Protein backbone atom coordinates (compact mmCIF):
# COMPACT_ATOMS: atom_id res chain seq x y z
CA MET A 1 66.81 182.75 -97.20
CA ALA A 2 63.87 181.81 -94.90
CA LEU A 3 61.19 183.71 -93.34
CA ILE A 4 61.43 182.52 -89.37
CA THR A 5 58.23 184.10 -87.77
CA ALA A 6 56.46 184.76 -84.42
CA GLU A 7 52.76 185.83 -83.38
CA HIS A 8 51.11 187.53 -80.40
CA ARG A 9 47.49 186.91 -81.41
CA TYR A 10 45.07 188.85 -79.28
CA ALA A 11 47.22 190.89 -77.33
CA ARG A 12 44.91 193.01 -75.24
CA ILE A 13 46.00 196.40 -76.46
CA SER A 14 45.36 198.81 -79.39
CA ALA A 15 46.87 198.22 -82.48
CA SER A 16 47.31 201.99 -83.01
CA LYS A 17 49.34 202.18 -79.51
CA VAL A 18 51.74 199.13 -80.88
CA ARG A 19 52.41 200.69 -84.30
CA PRO A 20 54.90 203.49 -83.99
CA PHE A 21 57.11 200.81 -81.88
CA ALA A 22 57.18 198.82 -85.11
CA ASN A 23 57.69 201.33 -87.15
CA LEU A 24 61.02 202.54 -84.92
CA ILE A 25 62.69 199.00 -85.84
CA ARG A 26 61.54 197.80 -88.91
CA GLY A 27 64.91 197.00 -91.02
CA LEU A 28 67.02 197.12 -88.28
CA THR A 29 68.80 194.03 -87.23
CA THR A 30 67.56 192.02 -84.12
CA GLU A 31 70.27 192.94 -81.42
CA GLU A 32 69.31 196.96 -82.94
CA GLY A 33 65.64 196.24 -82.29
CA VAL A 34 65.56 194.73 -78.85
CA HIS A 35 68.21 197.35 -77.76
CA ALA A 36 65.90 200.25 -79.21
CA LEU A 37 62.99 198.68 -77.54
CA LYS A 38 64.87 197.81 -74.36
CA TYR A 39 64.77 201.21 -72.72
CA LEU A 40 61.66 202.49 -74.04
CA PRO A 41 58.93 203.29 -70.88
CA ASN A 42 55.76 202.35 -72.96
CA ARG A 43 53.47 198.97 -72.50
CA GLY A 44 53.33 198.58 -76.36
CA ALA A 45 57.21 198.36 -76.53
CA ARG A 46 56.89 195.71 -73.81
CA VAL A 47 54.52 193.50 -76.12
CA LEU A 48 56.72 193.65 -79.14
CA GLU A 49 59.81 193.18 -77.42
CA LYS A 50 58.24 189.95 -76.23
CA VAL A 51 57.35 188.37 -79.88
CA LEU A 52 60.79 189.85 -81.26
CA LYS A 53 62.87 187.80 -78.59
CA SER A 54 60.30 184.85 -79.10
CA ALA A 55 61.18 185.09 -83.26
CA ILE A 56 64.66 185.15 -82.01
CA ALA A 57 64.67 182.37 -79.95
CA ASN A 58 62.31 180.43 -83.15
CA CYS A 59 65.80 181.42 -85.28
CA GLU A 60 68.22 180.18 -82.54
CA ASP A 61 65.93 176.77 -82.45
CA ARG A 62 65.89 176.61 -86.36
CA GLY A 63 70.10 176.12 -86.24
CA ALA A 64 70.65 179.79 -87.13
CA ARG A 65 74.04 181.15 -86.45
CA ASN A 66 74.84 185.20 -85.20
CA VAL A 67 71.08 185.67 -84.50
CA ALA A 68 72.04 188.54 -83.54
CA THR A 69 72.69 190.07 -86.98
CA LEU A 70 69.63 189.14 -89.05
CA LYS A 71 67.49 191.57 -90.41
CA ILE A 72 64.13 192.09 -89.09
CA SER A 73 62.34 192.01 -92.79
CA GLU A 74 58.26 192.44 -91.63
CA ILE A 75 56.63 193.62 -88.90
CA ARG A 76 52.59 193.67 -88.99
CA ILE A 77 50.20 194.94 -86.28
CA ASP A 78 46.66 194.22 -87.60
CA GLY A 79 44.03 194.73 -85.59
CA GLY A 80 42.16 191.87 -83.88
CA PRO A 81 38.45 191.77 -82.40
CA MET A 82 36.77 194.19 -79.88
CA PHE A 83 34.99 193.59 -77.15
CA LYS A 84 32.03 195.77 -77.17
CA ARG A 85 30.80 196.73 -73.77
CA ILE A 86 27.86 199.52 -73.04
CA GLN A 87 28.18 202.72 -70.81
CA PRO A 88 25.34 204.32 -69.47
CA ARG A 89 24.69 207.92 -69.82
CA ALA A 90 22.14 210.66 -69.48
CA ARG A 91 18.80 210.66 -70.27
CA GLY A 92 18.77 207.07 -71.21
CA MET A 93 21.48 206.95 -73.74
CA ALA A 94 24.14 204.45 -73.95
CA TYR A 95 27.65 204.95 -75.28
CA THR A 96 29.75 201.79 -76.88
CA ILE A 97 33.05 200.90 -75.24
CA ARG A 98 35.46 198.96 -77.79
CA ARG A 99 38.06 197.11 -75.52
CA ARG A 100 40.40 196.76 -78.60
CA SER A 101 43.30 193.77 -79.25
CA ALA A 102 45.76 193.60 -81.95
CA HIS A 103 47.62 191.04 -83.47
CA VAL A 104 51.79 191.42 -83.51
CA SER A 105 53.66 189.36 -85.97
CA VAL A 106 57.37 189.75 -86.59
CA LEU A 107 59.31 188.09 -89.71
CA ILE A 108 63.14 187.92 -89.68
CA ASP A 109 65.09 187.07 -92.63
CA ALA A 110 67.73 183.84 -91.46
CA PRO A 111 70.09 181.77 -94.00
CA GLU A 112 68.67 178.29 -94.93
CA VAL A 113 69.69 176.38 -92.23
CA GLN A 114 69.41 172.41 -92.83
């Protein structure tokens, strides 16, 4: 079995906003995963759906057959770097604003192809 991957690094969304959708589709077939994400209204679902479709396209490009029946073996949502900004507050204080990013990785089990 070959692991076909797709990644979206430095996605401008917090990892905690994408993780629930990763837990939703982990272990499903690729077709079930796309259908599960398609009807969710959240932005995190859109990000994960794009990466999943990219992984499916990578499988097709490598020559895998019946791409809809392949299993999603692993999904990793890791935190990326943060942009740190300062927001002025009362009495000379300053709060830090952390604009978070995420690294989204999808791995699909595909049979060995020549």
